[in-house]
PDB file of N, CA and C in Angstrom:
ATOM      1  N   MET A   1     -23.373  56.472 111.323  1.00  0.00           N
ATOM      2  CA  MET A   1     -23.202  57.835 110.601  1.00  0.00           C
ATOM      3  C   MET A   1     -22.306  57.483 109.409  1.00  0.00           C
ATOM      4  N   ILE A   2     -21.311  56.774 109.318  1.00  0.00           N
ATOM      5  CA  ILE A   2     -20.460  56.517 108.409  1.00  0.00           C
ATOM      6  C   ILE A   2     -21.405  55.834 107.212  1.00  0.00           C
ATOM      7  N   LYS A   3     -22.392  54.871 107.649  1.00  0.00           N
ATOM      8  CA  LYS A   3     -23.187  54.220 106.671  1.00  0.00           C
ATOM      9  C   LYS A   3     -24.062  55.104 105.947  1.00  0.00           C
ATOM     10  N   LEU A   4     -24.413  56.167 106.819  1.00  0.00           N
ATOM     11  CA  LEU A   4     -25.289  57.068 106.039  1.00  0.00           C
ATOM     12  C   LEU A   4     -24.412  57.918 105.136  1.00  0.00           C
ATOM     13  N   ASN A   5     -22.982  58.303 105.213  1.00  0.00           N
ATOM     14  CA  ASN A   5     -22.399  59.029 104.497  1.00  0.00           C
ATOM     15  C   ASN A   5     -22.078  58.395 103.348  1.00  0.00           C
ATOM     16  N   SER A   6     -21.874  57.021 103.383  1.00  0.00           N
ATOM     17  CA  SER A   6     -21.652  56.086 102.197  1.00  0.00           C
ATOM     18  C   SER A   6     -22.722  56.074 101.376  1.00  0.00           C
ATOM     19  N   VAL A   7     -23.942  55.837 101.878  1.00  0.00           N
ATOM     20  CA  VAL A   7     -25.242  55.706 101.204  1.00  0.00           C
ATOM     21  C   VAL A   7     -25.491  57.145 100.442  1.00  0.00           C
ATOM     22  N   LEU A   8     -25.059  58.201 101.017  1.00  0.00           N
ATOM     23  CA  LEU A   8     -25.411  59.280 100.534  1.00  0.00           C
ATOM     24  C   LEU A   8     -24.278  59.819  99.427  1.00  0.00           C
ATOM     25  N   ALA A   9     -22.918  59.454  99.255  1.00  0.00           N
ATOM     26  CA  ALA A   9     -21.740  59.423  98.625  1.00  0.00           C
ATOM     27  C   ALA A   9     -22.373  58.572  97.233  1.00  0.00           C
ATOM     28  N   VAL A  10     -22.890  57.146  97.473  1.00  0.00           N
ATOM     29  CA  VAL A  10     -23.206  56.559  96.518  1.00  0.00           C
ATOM     30  C   VAL A  10     -24.260  57.059  95.627  1.00  0.00           C
ATOM     31  N   LEU A  11     -25.436  57.623  96.542  1.00  0.00           N
ATOM     32  CA  LEU A  11     -26.579  58.425  95.663  1.00  0.00           C
ATOM     33  C   LEU A  11     -26.072  59.546  94.962  1.00  0.00           C
ATOM     34  N   LEU A  12     -25.215  60.423  95.305  1.00  0.00           N
ATOM     35  CA  LEU A  12     -24.498  61.344  94.659  1.00  0.00           C
ATOM     36  C   LEU A  12     -23.723  60.968  93.483  1.00  0.00           C
ATOM     37  N   VAL A  13     -22.799  59.842  93.419  1.00  0.00           N
ATOM     38  CA  VAL A  13     -22.441  59.600  92.189  1.00  0.00           C
ATOM     39  C   VAL A  13     -23.319  59.056  91.204  1.00  0.00           C
ATOM     40  N   LEU A  14     -24.542  58.211  91.561  1.00  0.00           N
ATOM     41  CA  LEU A  14     -25.261  57.795  90.846  1.00  0.00           C
ATOM     42  C   LEU A  14     -26.138  58.937  89.901  1.00  0.00           C
ATOM     43  N   CYS A  15     -26.614  59.960  90.682  1.00  0.00           N
ATOM     44  CA  CYS A  15     -27.120  61.324  90.389  1.00  0.00           C
ATOM     45  C   CYS A  15     -26.172  61.900  89.183  1.00  0.00           C
ATOM     46  N   ALA A  16     -24.978  61.919  89.529  1.00  0.00           N
ATOM     47  CA  ALA A  16     -23.666  62.735  88.799  1.00  0.00           C
ATOM     48  C   ALA A  16     -23.704  61.753  87.464  1.00  0.00           C
ATOM     49  N   LEU A  17     -23.747  60.536  87.604  1.00  0.00           N
ATOM     50  CA  LEU A  17     -23.766  59.527  86.410  1.00  0.00           C
ATOM     51  C   LEU A  17     -25.230  59.984  85.370  1.00  0.00           C
ATOM     52  N   ALA A  18     -26.264  59.895  85.994  1.00  0.00           N
ATOM     53  CA  ALA A  18     -27.430  60.405  85.471  1.00  0.00           C
ATOM     54  C   ALA A  18     -27.506  61.515  84.809  1.00  0.00           C
ATOM     55  N   LEU A  19     -26.896  62.488  85.277  1.00  0.00           N
ATOM     56  CA  LEU A  19     -26.974  63.763  84.919  1.00  0.00           C
ATOM     57  C   LEU A  19     -26.057  63.753  83.577  1.00  0.00           C
ATOM     58  N   VAL A  20     -24.725  63.224  83.694  1.00  0.00           N
ATOM     59  CA  VAL A  20     -23.871  63.092  82.458  1.00  0.00           C
ATOM     60  C   VAL A  20     -24.709  62.490  81.276  1.00  0.00           C
ATOM     61  N   THR A  21     -25.244  61.213  81.632  1.00  0.00           N
ATOM     62  CA  THR A  21     -25.897  60.616  80.631  1.00  0.00           C
ATOM     63  C   THR A  21     -27.140  61.292  80.021  1.00  0.00           C
ATOM     64  N   SER A  22     -27.878  61.916  80.881  1.00  0.00           N
ATOM     65  CA  SER A  22     -28.853  62.538  80.082  1.00  0.00           C
ATOM     66  C   SER A  22     -28.259  63.904  79.271  1.00  0.00           C
ATOM     67  N   GLN A  23     -27.406  64.690  79.725  1.00  0.00           N
ATOM     68  CA  GLN A  23     -26.892  65.662  78.933  1.00  0.00           C
ATOM     69  C   GLN A  23     -26.006  65.012  77.563  1.00  0.00           C
ATOM     70  N   HIS A  24     -25.540  63.903  77.623  1.00  0.00           N
ATOM     71  CA  HIS A  24     -24.970  63.029  76.310  1.00  0.00           C
ATOM     72  C   HIS A  24     -26.105  63.055  75.496  1.00  0.00           C
ATOM     73  N   LYS A  25     -27.251  62.411  76.115  1.00  0.00           N
ATOM     74  CA  LYS A  25     -28.486  62.139  75.221  1.00  0.00           C
ATOM     75  C   LYS A  25     -29.010  63.384  74.556  1.00  0.00           C
ATOM     76  N   ALA A  26     -29.215  64.383  75.172  1.00  0.00           N
ATOM     77  CA  ALA A  26     -29.774  65.642  74.878  1.00  0.00           C
ATOM     78  C   ALA A  26     -28.831  66.114  73.784  1.00  0.00           C
ATOM     79  N   ARG A  27     -27.487  66.341  73.845  1.00  0.00           N
ATOM     80  CA  ARG A  27     -26.610  66.706  72.740  1.00  0.00           C
ATOM     81  C   ARG A  27     -26.722  66.008  71.523  1.00  0.00           C
ATOM     82  N   LYS A  28     -26.751  64.560  71.809  1.00  0.00           N
ATOM     83  CA  LYS A  28     -26.878  63.690  70.590  1.00  0.00           C
ATOM     84  C   LYS A  28     -28.168  64.061  69.790  1.00  0.00           C
ATOM     85  N   LEU A  29     -29.337  64.038  70.496  1.00  0.00           N
ATOM     86  CA  LEU A  29     -30.456  64.276  69.827  1.00  0.00           C
ATOM     87  C   LEU A  29     -30.636  65.815  69.163  1.00  0.00           C
ATOM     88  N   PHE A  30     -29.893  66.779  69.961  1.00  0.00           N
ATOM     89  CA  PHE A  30     -29.903  67.984  69.281  1.00  0.00           C
ATOM     90  C   PHE A  30     -29.050  68.155  67.869  1.00  0.00           C
ATOM     91  N   SER A  31     -28.042  67.057  67.789  1.00  0.00           N
ATOM     92  CA  SER A  31     -27.269  67.012  66.841  1.00  0.00           C
ATOM     93  C   SER A  31     -28.018  66.563  65.766  1.00  0.00           C
ATOM     94  N   GLU A  32     -28.855  65.353  66.084  1.00  0.00           N
ATOM     95  CA  GLU A  32     -29.625  64.695  65.241  1.00  0.00           C
ATOM     96  C   GLU A  32     -30.747  65.748  64.559  1.00  0.00           C
ATOM     97  N   LEU A  33     -31.161  66.458  65.264  1.00  0.00           N
ATOM     98  CA  LEU A  33     -32.124  67.549  65.015  1.00  0.00           C
ATOM     99  C   LEU A  33     -31.716  68.358  63.983  1.00  0.00           C
ATOM    100  N   ALA A  34     -30.322  69.097  64.199  1.00  0.00           N
ATOM    101  CA  ALA A  34     -29.689  69.899  63.133  1.00  0.00           C
ATOM    102  C   ALA A  34     -29.490  69.167  61.948  1.00  0.00           C
ATOM    103  N   GLN A  35     -28.852  67.974  62.025  1.00  0.00           N
ATOM    104  CA  GLN A  35     -28.843  67.135  60.519  1.00  0.00           C
ATOM    105  C   GLN A  35     -30.180  67.079  60.031  1.00  0.00           C
ATOM    106  N   GLU A  36     -31.330  66.796  60.482  1.00  0.00           N
ATOM    107  CA  GLU A  36     -32.587  66.731  60.164  1.00  0.00           C
ATOM    108  C   GLU A  36     -33.120  67.965  59.429  1.00  0.00           C
ATOM    109  N   GLN A  37     -32.725  69.142  60.343  1.00  0.00           N
ATOM    110  CA  GLN A  37     -33.084  70.344  59.628  1.00  0.00           C
ATOM    111  C   GLN A  37     -32.567  70.709  58.500  1.00  0.00           C
ATOM    112  N   ASP A  38     -31.063  70.297  58.272  1.00  0.00           N
ATOM    113  CA  ASP A  38     -30.387  70.593  57.044  1.00  0.00           C
ATOM    114  C   ASP A  38     -30.789  69.753  56.034  1.00  0.00           C
ATOM    115  N   ALA A  39     -31.318  68.586  56.312  1.00  0.00           N
ATOM    116  CA  ALA A  39     -31.981  67.716  55.196  1.00  0.00           C
ATOM    117  C   ALA A  39     -33.200  68.221  54.818  1.00  0.00           C
ATOM    118  N   ALA A  40     -34.041  68.790  55.741  1.00  0.00           N
ATOM    119  CA  ALA A  40     -35.454  69.480  55.459  1.00  0.00           C
ATOM    120  C   ALA A  40     -34.958  70.775  54.375  1.00  0.00           C
ATOM    121  N   ARG A  41     -34.102  71.368  54.601  1.00  0.00           N
ATOM    122  CA  ARG A  41     -33.724  72.417  53.642  1.00  0.00           C
ATOM    123  C   ARG A  41     -33.285  72.061  52.637  1.00  0.00           C
ATOM    124  N   GLN A  42     -32.565  70.975  52.508  1.00  0.00           N
ATOM    125  CA  GLN A  42     -31.976  70.648  51.165  1.00  0.00           C
ATOM    126  C   GLN A  42     -33.344  70.011  50.457  1.00  0.00           C
ATOM    127  N   ILE A  43     -34.073  69.454  50.850  1.00  0.00           N
ATOM    128  CA  ILE A  43     -35.234  68.843  50.241  1.00  0.00           C
ATOM    129  C   ILE A  43     -36.252  70.232  49.682  1.00  0.00           C
ATOM    130  N   GLU A  44     -36.332  71.023  50.636  1.00  0.00           N
ATOM    131  CA  GLU A  44     -37.147  72.411  50.020  1.00  0.00           C
ATOM    132  C   GLU A  44     -36.249  72.940  49.064  1.00  0.00           C
ATOM    133  N   VAL A  45     -34.998  73.077  48.895  1.00  0.00           N
ATOM    134  CA  VAL A  45     -34.417  73.539  47.730  1.00  0.00           C
ATOM    135  C   VAL A  45     -34.596  72.580  46.482  1.00  0.00           C
ATOM    136  N   GLU A  46     -34.384  71.540  46.711  1.00  0.00           N
ATOM    137  CA  GLU A  46     -34.833  70.506  45.594  1.00  0.00           C
ATOM    138  C   GLU A  46     -36.286  70.624  45.079  1.00  0.00           C
ATOM    139  N   TRP A  47     -37.106  70.735  45.816  1.00  0.00           N
ATOM    140  CA  TRP A  47     -38.468  70.779  45.629  1.00  0.00           C
ATOM    141  C   TRP A  47     -38.771  72.157  44.649  1.00  0.00           C
ATOM    142  N   GLY A  48     -38.086  73.109  45.037  1.00  0.00           N
ATOM    143  CA  GLY A  48     -38.177  74.467  44.520  1.00  0.00           C
ATOM    144  C   GLY A  48     -37.676  74.353  42.971  1.00  0.00           C
ATOM    145  N   GLN A  49     -36.428  73.771  42.855  1.00  0.00           N
ATOM    146  CA  GLN A  49     -35.887  73.339  41.535  1.00  0.00           C
ATOM    147  C   GLN A  49     -36.638  72.604  40.577  1.00  0.00           C
ATOM    148  N   LEU A  50     -37.295  71.581  41.197  1.00  0.00           N
ATOM    149  CA  LEU A  50     -38.317  70.546  40.313  1.00  0.00           C
ATOM    150  C   LEU A  50     -39.544  71.519  40.127  1.00  0.00           C
ATOM    151  N   GLN A  51     -40.038  72.142  40.878  1.00  0.00           N
ATOM    152  CA  GLN A  51     -41.069  73.203  40.560  1.00  0.00           C
ATOM    153  C   GLN A  51     -40.800  73.996  39.299  1.00  0.00           C
ATOM    154  N   LEU A  52     -39.633  74.512  39.451  1.00  0.00           N
ATOM    155  CA  LEU A  52     -38.939  75.478  38.198  1.00  0.00           C
ATOM    156  C   LEU A  52     -39.067  74.647  37.054  1.00  0.00           C
ATOM    157  N   GLU A  53     -38.291  73.594  37.169  1.00  0.00           N
ATOM    158  CA  GLU A  53     -38.065  72.653  35.868  1.00  0.00           C
ATOM    159  C   GLU A  53     -39.316  72.217  35.297  1.00  0.00           C
ATOM    160  N   GLN A  54     -40.388  71.954  36.127  1.00  0.00           N
ATOM    161  CA  GLN A  54     -41.587  71.702  35.523  1.00  0.00           C
ATOM    162  C   GLN A  54     -42.343  72.655  34.825  1.00  0.00           C
ATOM    163  N   SER A  55     -42.225  73.956  35.363  1.00  0.00           N
ATOM    164  CA  SER A  55     -42.874  74.964  34.791  1.00  0.00           C
ATOM    165  C   SER A  55     -42.061  75.080  33.316  1.00  0.00           C
ATOM    166  N   THR A  56     -40.818  74.837  33.446  1.00  0.00           N
ATOM    167  CA  THR A  56     -40.201  75.050  32.172  1.00  0.00           C
ATOM    168  C   THR A  56     -40.463  73.985  31.031  1.00  0.00           C
ATOM    169  N   TRP A  57     -40.541  72.931  31.469  1.00  0.00           N
ATOM    170  CA  TRP A  57     -41.087  71.764  30.451  1.00  0.00           C
ATOM    171  C   TRP A  57     -42.584  71.835  30.176  1.00  0.00           C
ATOM    172  N   ALA A  58     -43.117  72.440  30.902  1.00  0.00           N
ATOM    173  CA  ALA A  58     -44.833  72.742  30.609  1.00  0.00           C
ATOM    174  C   ALA A  58     -45.086  73.988  29.916  1.00  0.00           C
ATOM    175  N   MET A  59     -44.068  74.799  29.282  1.00  0.00           N
ATOM    176  CA  MET A  59     -44.302  75.979  29.036  1.00  0.00           C
ATOM    177  C   MET A  59     -45.036  75.747  27.445  1.00  0.00           C
ATOM    178  N   HIS A  60     -46.037  76.522  27.413  1.00  0.00           N
ATOM    179  CA  HIS A  60     -46.874  76.689  26.097  1.00  0.00           C
ATOM    180  C   HIS A  60     -46.162  76.666  24.799  1.00  0.00           C
ATOM    181  N   ALA A  61     -45.055  77.434  24.705  1.00  0.00           N
ATOM    182  CA  ALA A  61     -44.257  77.314  23.410  1.00  0.00           C
ATOM    183  C   ALA A  61     -43.584  76.290  23.063  1.00  0.00           C
ATOM    184  N   ARG A  62     -42.950  75.703  24.333  1.00  0.00           N
ATOM    185  CA  ARG A  62     -42.316  74.480  23.921  1.00  0.00           C
ATOM    186  C   ARG A  62     -43.195  73.270  23.751  1.00  0.00           C
ATOM    187  N   ILE A  63     -44.251  73.359  24.279  1.00  0.00           N
ATOM    188  CA  ILE A  63     -45.300  71.966  23.955  1.00  0.00           C
ATOM    189  C   ILE A  63     -45.663  72.019  22.587  1.00  0.00           C
ATOM    190  N   GLU A  64     -46.006  73.316  22.093  1.00  0.00           N
ATOM    191  CA  GLU A  64     -46.402  73.779  20.691  1.00  0.00           C
ATOM    192  C   GLU A  64     -45.300  73.361  19.835  1.00  0.00           C
ATOM    193  N   LYS A  65     -44.213  73.614  20.089  1.00  0.00           N
ATOM    194  CA  LYS A  65     -42.850  73.280  19.348  1.00  0.00           C
ATOM    195  C   LYS A  65     -42.810  71.795  19.265  1.00  0.00           C
ATOM    196  N   ILE A  66     -42.833  71.125  20.172  1.00  0.00           N
ATOM    197  CA  ILE A  66     -42.608  69.638  20.041  1.00  0.00           C
ATOM    198  C   ILE A  66     -43.942  69.182  19.397  1.00  0.00           C
ATOM    199  N   ALA A  67     -45.111  69.356  19.590  1.00  0.00           N
ATOM    200  CA  ALA A  67     -46.090  68.942  19.041  1.00  0.00           C
ATOM    201  C   ALA A  67     -46.033  69.163  17.265  1.00  0.00           C
ATOM    202  N   SER A  68     -45.423  70.282  16.924  1.00  0.00           N
ATOM    203  CA  SER A  68     -45.208  70.561  15.530  1.00  0.00           C
ATOM    204  C   SER A  68     -44.231  69.824  14.887  1.00  0.00           C
ATOM    205  N   SER A  69     -43.028  69.704  15.664  1.00  0.00           N
ATOM    206  CA  SER A  69     -41.805  69.176  15.030  1.00  0.00           C
ATOM    207  C   SER A  69     -41.796  67.680  15.124  1.00  0.00           C
ATOM    208  N   ARG A  70     -42.155  67.077  16.196  1.00  0.00           N
ATOM    209  CA  ARG A  70     -41.946  65.595  16.518  1.00  0.00           C
ATOM    210  C   ARG A  70     -43.124  64.885  16.051  1.00  0.00           C
ATOM    211  N   LEU A  71     -44.465  65.406  16.384  1.00  0.00           N
ATOM    212  CA  LEU A  71     -45.655  64.728  15.995  1.00  0.00           C
ATOM    213  C   LEU A  71     -46.299  65.187  15.018  1.00  0.00           C
ATOM    214  N   GLN A  72     -45.664  66.399  14.078  1.00  0.00           N
ATOM    215  CA  GLN A  72     -46.305  66.871  12.836  1.00  0.00           C
ATOM    216  C   GLN A  72     -47.851  67.378  13.137  1.00  0.00           C
ATOM    217  N   MET A  73     -48.055  67.895  14.218  1.00  0.00           N
ATOM    218  CA  MET A  73     -49.434  68.448  14.644  1.00  0.00           C
ATOM    219  C   MET A  73     -49.472  69.788  14.121  1.00  0.00           C
ATOM    220  N   ARG A  74     -50.557  70.171  13.549  1.00  0.00           N
ATOM    221  CA  ARG A  74     -50.827  71.596  12.888  1.00  0.00           C
ATOM    222  C   ARG A  74     -52.128  72.219  13.590  1.00  0.00           C
ATOM    223  N   VAL A  75     -52.313  73.366  13.835  1.00  0.00           N
ATOM    224  CA  VAL A  75     -53.413  74.040  13.888  1.00  0.00           C
ATOM    225  C   VAL A  75     -54.253  73.907  12.739  1.00  0.00           C
ATOM    226  N   PRO A  76     -55.568  73.355  13.014  1.00  0.00           N
ATOM    227  CA  PRO A  76     -56.477  73.002  12.002  1.00  0.00           C
ATOM    228  C   PRO A  76     -57.024  74.372  11.216  1.00  0.00           C
ATOM    229  N   VAL A  77     -57.521  74.333   9.944  1.00  0.00           N
ATOM    230  CA  VAL A  77     -58.025  75.316   9.354  1.00  0.00           C
ATOM    231  C   VAL A  77     -59.183  75.770   9.733  1.00  0.00           C
ATOM    232  N   SER A  78     -59.624  77.064   9.535  1.00  0.00           N
ATOM    233  CA  SER A  78     -60.834  77.403  10.218  1.00  0.00           C
ATOM    234  C   SER A  78     -62.373  76.728   9.683  1.00  0.00           C
ATOM    235  N   ALA A  79     -62.073  76.225   8.496  1.00  0.00           N
ATOM    236  CA  ALA A  79     -63.023  75.241   7.697  1.00  0.00           C
ATOM    237  C   ALA A  79     -63.209  73.962   8.595  1.00  0.00           C
ATOM    238  N   ARG A  80     -62.351  73.633   9.173  1.00  0.00           N
ATOM    239  CA  ARG A  80     -62.568  72.198   9.915  1.00  0.00           C
ATOM    240  C   ARG A  80     -62.790  72.361  11.328  1.00  0.00           C
ATOM    241  N   THR A  81     -62.758  73.773  11.815  1.00  0.00           N
ATOM    242  CA  THR A  81     -63.187  73.735  13.303  1.00  0.00           C
ATOM    243  C   THR A  81     -64.502  73.881  13.653  1.00  0.00           C
ATOM    244  N   ARG A  82     -64.983  73.673  14.572  1.00  0.00           N
ATOM    245  CA  ARG A  82     -66.375  73.471  15.091  1.00  0.00           C
ATOM    246  C   ARG A  82     -66.687  74.290  16.265  1.00  0.00           C
ATOM    247  N   LEU A  83     -67.508  74.936  16.566  1.00  0.00           N
ATOM    248  CA  LEU A  83     -67.649  75.731  17.875  1.00  0.00           C
ATOM    249  C   LEU A  83     -68.939  74.857  18.403  1.00  0.00           C
ATOM    250  N   VAL A  84     -68.824  74.820  19.831  1.00  0.00           N
ATOM    251  CA  VAL A  84     -69.864  74.079  20.604  1.00  0.00           C
ATOM    252  C   VAL A  84     -70.450  75.015  21.224  1.00  0.00           C
ATOM    253  N   SER A  85     -71.816  75.141  21.187  1.00  0.00           N
ATOM    254  CA  SER A  85     -72.355  76.123  22.196  1.00  0.00           C
ATOM    255  C   SER A  85     -72.791  75.546  23.584  1.00  0.00           C
ATOM    256  N   ARG A  86     -73.051  76.470  24.490  1.00  0.00           N
ATOM    257  CA  ARG A  86     -73.294  75.670  25.941  1.00  0.00           C
ATOM    258  C   ARG A  86     -74.683  75.470  25.935  1.00  0.00           C
ATOM    259  N   GLU A  87     -74.723  74.359  26.594  1.00  0.00           N
ATOM    260  CA  GLU A  87     -76.367  73.925  26.737  1.00  0.00           C
ATOM    261  C   GLU A  87     -76.650  74.363  28.245  1.00  0.00           C
ATOM    262  N   GLY A  88     -77.969  74.755  28.386  1.00  0.00           N
ATOM    263  CA  GLY A  88     -78.520  75.199  29.636  1.00  0.00           C
ATOM    264  C   GLY A  88     -77.849  76.457  30.160  1.00  0.00           C
ATOM    265  N   GLY A  89     -76.821  77.193  29.494  1.00  0.00           N
ATOM    266  CA  GLY A  89     -76.124  78.286  30.090  1.00  0.00           C
ATOM    267  C   GLY A  89     -75.075  78.002  31.130  1.00  0.00           C
ATOM    268  N   TYR A  90     -74.940  76.819  31.385  1.00  0.00           N
ATOM    269  CA  TYR A  90     -73.747  76.540  32.463  1.00  0.00           C
ATOM    270  C   TYR A  90     -72.581  75.731  31.817  1.00  0.00           C
ATOM    271  N   GLY A  91     -72.587  75.439  30.188  1.00  0.00           N
ATOM    272  CA  GLY A  91     -71.499  74.650  29.790  1.00  0.00           C
ATOM    273  C   GLY A  91     -71.390  73.448  30.013  1.00  0.00           C
ATOM    274  N   ILE A  92     -72.432  72.727  30.410  1.00  0.00           N
ATOM    275  CA  ILE A  92     -72.450  71.419  30.647  1.00  0.00           C
ATOM    276  C   ILE A  92     -73.629  70.562  29.825  1.00  0.00           C
ATOM    277  N   ALA A  93     -73.236  69.534  29.307  1.00  0.00           N
ATOM    278  CA  ALA A  93     -73.966  69.116  28.462  1.00  0.00           C
ATOM    279  C   ALA A  93     -74.770  67.851  28.975  1.00  0.00           C
ATOM    280  N   ASP A  94     -75.912  67.634  28.433  1.00  0.00           N
ATOM    281  CA  ASP A  94     -76.739  66.679  28.749  1.00  0.00           C
ATOM    282  C   ASP A  94     -75.904  65.065  28.881  1.00  0.00           C
ATOM    283  N   PRO A  95     -76.050  64.556  30.029  1.00  0.00           N
ATOM    284  CA  PRO A  95     -75.058  63.207  30.231  1.00  0.00           C
ATOM    285  C   PRO A  95     -75.671  62.154  28.844  1.00  0.00           C
ATOM    286  N   GLU A  96     -77.192  62.343  28.741  1.00  0.00           N
ATOM    287  CA  GLU A  96     -77.639  61.263  27.754  1.00  0.00           C
ATOM    288  C   GLU A  96     -77.062  61.620  26.352  1.00  0.00           C
ATOM    289  N   SER A  97     -77.147  62.866  25.887  1.00  0.00           N
ATOM    290  CA  SER A  97     -76.460  63.342  24.594  1.00  0.00           C
ATOM    291  C   SER A  97     -75.095  62.852  24.506  1.00  0.00           C
ATOM    292  N   ILE A  98     -74.358  63.143  25.538  1.00  0.00           N
ATOM    293  CA  ILE A  98     -72.999  62.621  25.599  1.00  0.00           C
ATOM    294  C   ILE A  98     -72.690  61.237  25.300  1.00  0.00           C
ATOM    295  N   ALA A  99     -73.513  60.495  25.993  1.00  0.00           N
ATOM    296  CA  ALA A  99     -73.381  58.888  25.863  1.00  0.00           C
ATOM    297  C   ALA A  99     -73.849  58.550  24.443  1.00  0.00           C
ATOM    298  N   ASN A 100     -74.962  59.100  23.875  1.00  0.00           N
ATOM    299  CA  ASN A 100     -75.299  59.039  22.577  1.00  0.00           C
ATOM    300  C   ASN A 100     -74.371  59.266  21.266  1.00  0.00           C
ATOM    301  N   ALA A 101     -73.766  60.572  21.574  1.00  0.00           N
ATOM    302  CA  ALA A 101     -72.768  60.993  20.538  1.00  0.00           C
ATOM    303  C   ALA A 101     -71.623  59.822  20.705  1.00  0.00           C
ATOM    304  N   ALA A 102     -71.102  59.401  22.108  1.00  0.00           N
ATOM    305  CA  ALA A 102     -70.013  58.784  22.158  1.00  0.00           C
ATOM    306  C   ALA A 102     -70.466  57.324  21.374  1.00  0.00           C
ATOM    307  N   SER A 103     -71.629  56.792  21.513  1.00  0.00           N
ATOM    308  CA  SER A 103     -71.998  55.492  21.190  1.00  0.00           C
ATOM    309  C   SER A 103     -72.071  55.584  19.540  1.00  0.00           C
ATOM    310  N   ASP A 104     -72.306  56.932  19.055  1.00  0.00           N
ATOM    311  CA  ASP A 104     -72.482  56.821  17.458  1.00  0.00           C
ATOM    312  C   ASP A 104     -71.090  56.989  17.060  1.00  0.00           C
ATOM    313  N   THR A 105     -70.086  57.807  17.662  1.00  0.00           N
ATOM    314  CA  THR A 105     -68.930  57.680  17.061  1.00  0.00           C
ATOM    315  C   THR A 105     -68.260  56.331  16.960  1.00  0.00           C
ATOM    316  N   ARG A 106     -68.518  55.693  18.218  1.00  0.00           N
ATOM    317  CA  ARG A 106     -67.998  54.201  18.187  1.00  0.00           C
ATOM    318  C   ARG A 106     -68.394  53.338  17.220  1.00  0.00           C
ATOM    319  N   HIS A 107     -69.632  53.606  16.708  1.00  0.00           N
ATOM    320  CA  HIS A 107     -70.471  52.475  15.823  1.00  0.00           C
ATOM    321  C   HIS A 107     -70.296  53.131  14.420  1.00  0.00           C
ATOM    322  N   GLY A 108     -69.279  53.983  14.013  1.00  0.00           N
ATOM    323  CA  GLY A 108     -68.904  54.354  12.663  1.00  0.00           C
ATOM    324  C   GLY A 108     -69.734  55.674  12.319  1.00  0.00           C
ATOM    325  N   ALA A 109     -70.549  56.433  13.037  1.00  0.00           N
ATOM    326  CA  ALA A 109     -70.845  57.672  12.758  1.00  0.00           C
ATOM    327  C   ALA A 109     -70.079  58.812  12.609  1.00  0.00           C
ATOM    328  N   HIS A 110     -70.424  59.809  11.733  1.00  0.00           N
ATOM    329  CA  HIS A 110     -69.365  60.768  11.544  1.00  0.00           C
ATOM    330  C   HIS A 110     -69.587  61.675  12.660  1.00  0.00           C
ATOM    331  N   PRO A 111     -68.615  62.334  13.269  1.00  0.00           N
ATOM    332  CA  PRO A 111     -68.528  62.879  14.422  1.00  0.00           C
ATOM    333  C   PRO A 111     -69.373  64.692  14.259  1.00  0.00           C
ATOM    334  N   ARG A 112     -69.697  64.848  12.979  1.00  0.00           N
ATOM    335  CA  ARG A 112     -70.411  66.024  12.692  1.00  0.00           C
ATOM    336  C   ARG A 112     -71.838  65.793  12.427  1.00  0.00           C
ATOM    337  N   GLU A 113     -72.146  64.603  12.269  1.00  0.00           N
ATOM    338  CA  GLU A 113     -73.711  64.375  12.153  1.00  0.00           C
ATOM    339  C   GLU A 113     -74.299  64.384  13.512  1.00  0.00           C
ATOM    340  N   PRO A 114     -75.419  64.870  13.624  1.00  0.00           N
ATOM    341  CA  PRO A 114     -76.031  64.991  14.818  1.00  0.00           C
ATOM    342  C   PRO A 114     -76.347  63.665  15.487  1.00  0.00           C
ATOM    343  N   ALA A 115     -76.146  63.675  16.913  1.00  0.00           N
ATOM    344  CA  ALA A 115     -76.420  62.317  17.657  1.00  0.00           C
ATOM    345  C   ALA A 115     -77.889  62.025  17.737  1.00  0.00           C
ATOM    346  N   ARG A 116     -78.098  60.718  17.254  1.00  0.00           N
ATOM    347  CA  ARG A 116     -79.463  60.227  17.238  1.00  0.00           C
ATOM    348  C   ARG A 116     -79.750  59.851  18.872  1.00  0.00           C
ATOM    349  N   SER A 117     -80.667  60.335  19.326  1.00  0.00           N
ATOM    350  CA  SER A 117     -81.065  60.163  20.825  1.00  0.00           C
ATOM    351  C   SER A 117     -81.610  58.795  20.902  1.00  0.00           C
ATOM    352  N   GLY A 118     -80.529  58.015  21.729  1.00  0.00           N
ATOM    353  CA  GLY A 118     -81.379  56.656  21.990  1.00  0.00           C
ATOM    354  C   GLY A 118     -81.142  55.525  20.934  1.00  0.00           C
ATOM    355  N   ALA A 119     -80.822  56.019  19.530  1.00  0.00           N
ATOM    356  CA  ALA A 119     -80.734  55.027  18.528  1.00  0.00           C
ATOM    357  C   ALA A 119     -79.070  54.572  18.456  1.00  0.00           C
ATOM    358  N   ARG A 120     -79.242  53.345  18.207  1.00  0.00           N
ATOM    359  CA  ARG A 120     -77.823  52.911  17.773  1.00  0.00           C
ATOM    360  C   ARG A 120     -77.767  51.989  16.663  1.00  0.00           C
ATOM    361  N   ARG A 121     -76.740  51.948  15.969  1.00  0.00           N
ATOM    362  CA  ARG A 121     -76.737  51.305  14.537  1.00  0.00           C
ATOM    363  C   ARG A 121     -76.348  49.899  14.694  1.00  0.00           C
TER     364      ARG A 121
END
């Protein structure tokens, strides 16, 4: 009987130690979870700030100001602008005509000259 009581007492102590260890691990993991949630909130705040900064940097007026002041870019006069019509009603040009136009401009043709289909200089 004493032997059974001692075995049960040892088992009770081992179970108590296991309970304390598991509670300690659970508290430690909960603390880590709270830290990671705080880090995630901080990252979300930083992401929002970066999006706001990006929208500020990409504002049309700012880009236009930099283009005119730093790069000396100007809006072309209407005599130098050209309207391009949509082909086929979808706004998509024929791939062959695009290739020919690119080829002509690479070989010294003026961009306003009509592209010669299939002909290269």
